[in-house]
């Protein structure tokens, strides 16, 4: 991937992370099932770390 593609992917992942984090806060507030959202956040954190590593290699 090019640097621009990696940056776009990173922006997308960050946006997804914020959205899911907000959803998780709502689930906690209403007493919903939050484990799925937490798992998604963990997965996104790993993906973000991987993309950042790839960006460092490209630069």
N, C-alpha and C. Protein backbone atom coordinates (compact mmCIF):
# COMPACT_ATOMS: atom_id res chain seq x y z
N UNK A 1 0.83 -1.19 0.00
CA UNK A 1 0.00 0.00 0.00
C UNK A 1 0.88 1.25 0.00
N UNK A 2 0.34 2.28 -0.60
CA UNK A 2 1.06 3.54 -0.60
C UNK A 2 0.83 4.27 0.73
N UNK A 3 1.64 5.28 0.96
CA UNK A 3 1.50 6.07 2.18
C UNK A 3 0.11 6.68 2.26
N UNK A 4 -0.41 7.19 1.15
CA UNK A 4 -1.73 7.80 1.13
C UNK A 4 -2.82 6.79 1.45
N UNK A 5 -2.69 5.58 0.92
CA UNK A 5 -3.66 4.53 1.19
C UNK A 5 -3.63 4.13 2.67
N UNK A 6 -2.43 4.04 3.22
CA UNK A 6 -2.31 3.69 4.64
C UNK A 6 -2.90 4.78 5.53
N UNK A 7 -2.66 6.03 5.17
CA UNK A 7 -3.22 7.14 5.94
C UNK A 7 -4.74 7.15 5.87
N UNK A 8 -5.28 6.85 4.69
CA UNK A 8 -6.74 6.79 4.53
C UNK A 8 -7.31 5.63 5.35
N UNK A 9 -6.63 4.49 5.33
CA UNK A 9 -7.06 3.34 6.13
C UNK A 9 -7.02 3.68 7.62
N UNK A 10 -5.98 4.36 8.06
CA UNK A 10 -5.85 4.75 9.46
C UNK A 10 -6.99 5.70 9.86
N UNK A 11 -7.30 6.66 9.01
CA UNK A 11 -8.41 7.58 9.29
C UNK A 11 -9.73 6.82 9.40
N UNK A 12 -9.93 5.86 8.52
CA UNK A 12 -11.16 5.05 8.55
C UNK A 12 -11.25 4.25 9.84
N UNK A 13 -10.15 3.63 10.23
CA UNK A 13 -10.13 2.83 11.47
C UNK A 13 -10.38 3.70 12.69
N UNK A 14 -9.78 4.88 12.72
CA UNK A 14 -9.99 5.79 13.84
C UNK A 14 -11.45 6.22 13.92
N UNK A 15 -12.05 6.49 12.77
CA UNK A 15 -13.46 6.88 12.73
C UNK A 15 -14.34 5.75 13.27
N UNK A 16 -14.06 4.53 12.82
CA UNK A 16 -14.81 3.37 13.31
C UNK A 16 -14.63 3.20 14.81
N UNK A 17 -13.42 3.42 15.30
CA UNK A 17 -13.13 3.27 16.72
C UNK A 17 -13.96 4.26 17.54
N UNK A 18 -14.00 5.50 17.11
CA UNK A 18 -14.77 6.52 17.83
C UNK A 18 -16.25 6.17 17.82
N UNK A 19 -16.76 5.73 16.67
CA UNK A 19 -18.17 5.38 16.55
C UNK A 19 -18.53 4.23 17.50
N UNK A 20 -17.70 3.20 17.52
CA UNK A 20 -17.98 2.05 18.38
C UNK A 20 -17.83 2.42 19.85
N UNK A 21 -16.89 3.28 20.15
CA UNK A 21 -16.71 3.73 21.52
C UNK A 21 -17.96 4.48 22.00
N UNK A 22 -18.53 5.31 21.14
CA UNK A 22 -19.76 6.01 21.49
C UNK A 22 -20.92 5.03 21.67
N UNK A 23 -20.98 4.02 20.80
CA UNK A 23 -22.00 2.99 20.94
C UNK A 23 -21.85 2.24 22.26
N UNK A 24 -20.62 1.95 22.63
CA UNK A 24 -20.35 1.25 23.88
C UNK A 24 -20.83 2.08 25.07
N UNK A 25 -20.57 3.37 25.03
CA UNK A 25 -21.03 4.24 26.12
C UNK A 25 -22.55 4.21 26.24
N UNK A 26 -23.25 4.18 25.11
CA UNK A 26 -24.71 4.10 25.13
C UNK A 26 -25.16 2.76 25.70
N UNK A 27 -24.48 1.67 25.31
CA UNK A 27 -24.84 0.35 25.82
C UNK A 27 -24.65 0.27 27.33
N UNK A 28 -23.57 0.84 27.81
CA UNK A 28 -23.31 0.84 29.25
C UNK A 28 -24.42 1.62 29.97
N UNK A 29 -24.81 2.74 29.39
CA UNK A 29 -25.82 3.60 30.00
C UNK A 29 -27.17 2.88 30.11
N UNK A 30 -27.56 2.15 29.06
CA UNK A 30 -28.86 1.48 29.06
C UNK A 30 -28.79 0.05 29.58
N UNK A 31 -27.59 -0.39 29.94
CA UNK A 31 -27.45 -1.74 30.48
C UNK A 31 -27.48 -2.83 29.42
N UNK A 32 -27.02 -2.49 28.23
CA UNK A 32 -27.02 -3.46 27.13
C UNK A 32 -25.80 -4.36 27.16
N UNK A 33 -25.74 -5.25 26.19
CA UNK A 33 -24.62 -6.19 26.08
C UNK A 33 -23.43 -5.48 25.45
N UNK A 34 -22.41 -5.27 26.22
CA UNK A 34 -21.28 -4.47 25.76
C UNK A 34 -20.08 -5.28 25.32
N UNK A 35 -20.09 -6.59 25.53
CA UNK A 35 -18.91 -7.41 25.23
C UNK A 35 -18.55 -7.39 23.74
N UNK A 36 -19.55 -7.38 22.89
CA UNK A 36 -19.30 -7.36 21.44
C UNK A 36 -18.60 -6.06 21.04
N UNK A 37 -19.07 -4.95 21.57
CA UNK A 37 -18.45 -3.66 21.25
C UNK A 37 -17.02 -3.61 21.77
N UNK A 38 -16.80 -4.16 22.96
CA UNK A 38 -15.45 -4.18 23.52
C UNK A 38 -14.51 -5.01 22.64
N UNK A 39 -15.01 -6.14 22.15
CA UNK A 39 -14.20 -6.99 21.26
C UNK A 39 -13.85 -6.25 19.97
N UNK A 40 -14.81 -5.50 19.44
CA UNK A 40 -14.56 -4.73 18.23
C UNK A 40 -13.51 -3.66 18.47
N UNK A 41 -13.56 -3.02 19.64
CA UNK A 41 -12.56 -1.99 19.97
C UNK A 41 -11.17 -2.61 20.06
N UNK A 42 -11.07 -3.76 20.66
CA UNK A 42 -9.77 -4.45 20.78
C UNK A 42 -9.23 -4.79 19.40
N UNK A 43 -10.10 -5.29 18.53
CA UNK A 43 -9.70 -5.64 17.16
C UNK A 43 -9.22 -4.39 16.41
N UNK A 44 -9.96 -3.29 16.56
CA UNK A 44 -9.58 -2.06 15.89
C UNK A 44 -8.26 -1.51 16.41
N UNK A 45 -8.04 -1.62 17.71
CA UNK A 45 -6.77 -1.17 18.28
C UNK A 45 -5.60 -1.92 17.64
N UNK A 46 -5.76 -3.22 17.44
CA UNK A 46 -4.71 -4.02 16.81
C UNK A 46 -4.51 -3.60 15.36
N UNK A 47 -5.61 -3.38 14.65
CA UNK A 47 -5.51 -2.96 13.25
C UNK A 47 -4.83 -1.59 13.14
N UNK A 48 -5.19 -0.68 14.02
CA UNK A 48 -4.59 0.66 14.01
C UNK A 48 -3.08 0.54 14.25
N UNK A 49 -2.69 -0.29 15.20
CA UNK A 49 -1.26 -0.48 15.48
C UNK A 49 -0.53 -1.05 14.26
N UNK A 50 -1.16 -2.00 13.59
CA UNK A 50 -0.55 -2.60 12.39
C UNK A 50 -0.37 -1.57 11.28
N UNK A 51 -1.38 -0.75 11.06
CA UNK A 51 -1.30 0.27 10.00
C UNK A 51 -0.23 1.30 10.36
N UNK A 52 -0.16 1.66 11.63
CA UNK A 52 0.89 2.62 12.04
C UNK A 52 2.28 2.04 11.80
N UNK A 53 2.46 0.76 12.07
CA UNK A 53 3.75 0.11 11.80
C UNK A 53 4.06 0.14 10.32
N UNK A 54 3.07 -0.15 9.50
CA UNK A 54 3.27 -0.12 8.05
C UNK A 54 3.63 1.30 7.59
N UNK A 55 2.98 2.30 8.18
CA UNK A 55 3.29 3.68 7.82
C UNK A 55 4.74 4.02 8.16
N UNK A 56 5.21 3.55 9.31
CA UNK A 56 6.58 3.81 9.71
C UNK A 56 7.57 3.18 8.72
N UNK A 57 7.22 2.00 8.22
CA UNK A 57 8.09 1.31 7.27
C UNK A 57 8.15 2.06 5.95
N UNK A 58 7.02 2.67 5.56
CA UNK A 58 6.95 3.38 4.28
C UNK A 58 7.73 4.69 4.36
N UNK A 59 7.70 5.32 5.52
CA UNK A 59 8.35 6.63 5.67
C UNK A 59 9.81 6.48 5.84
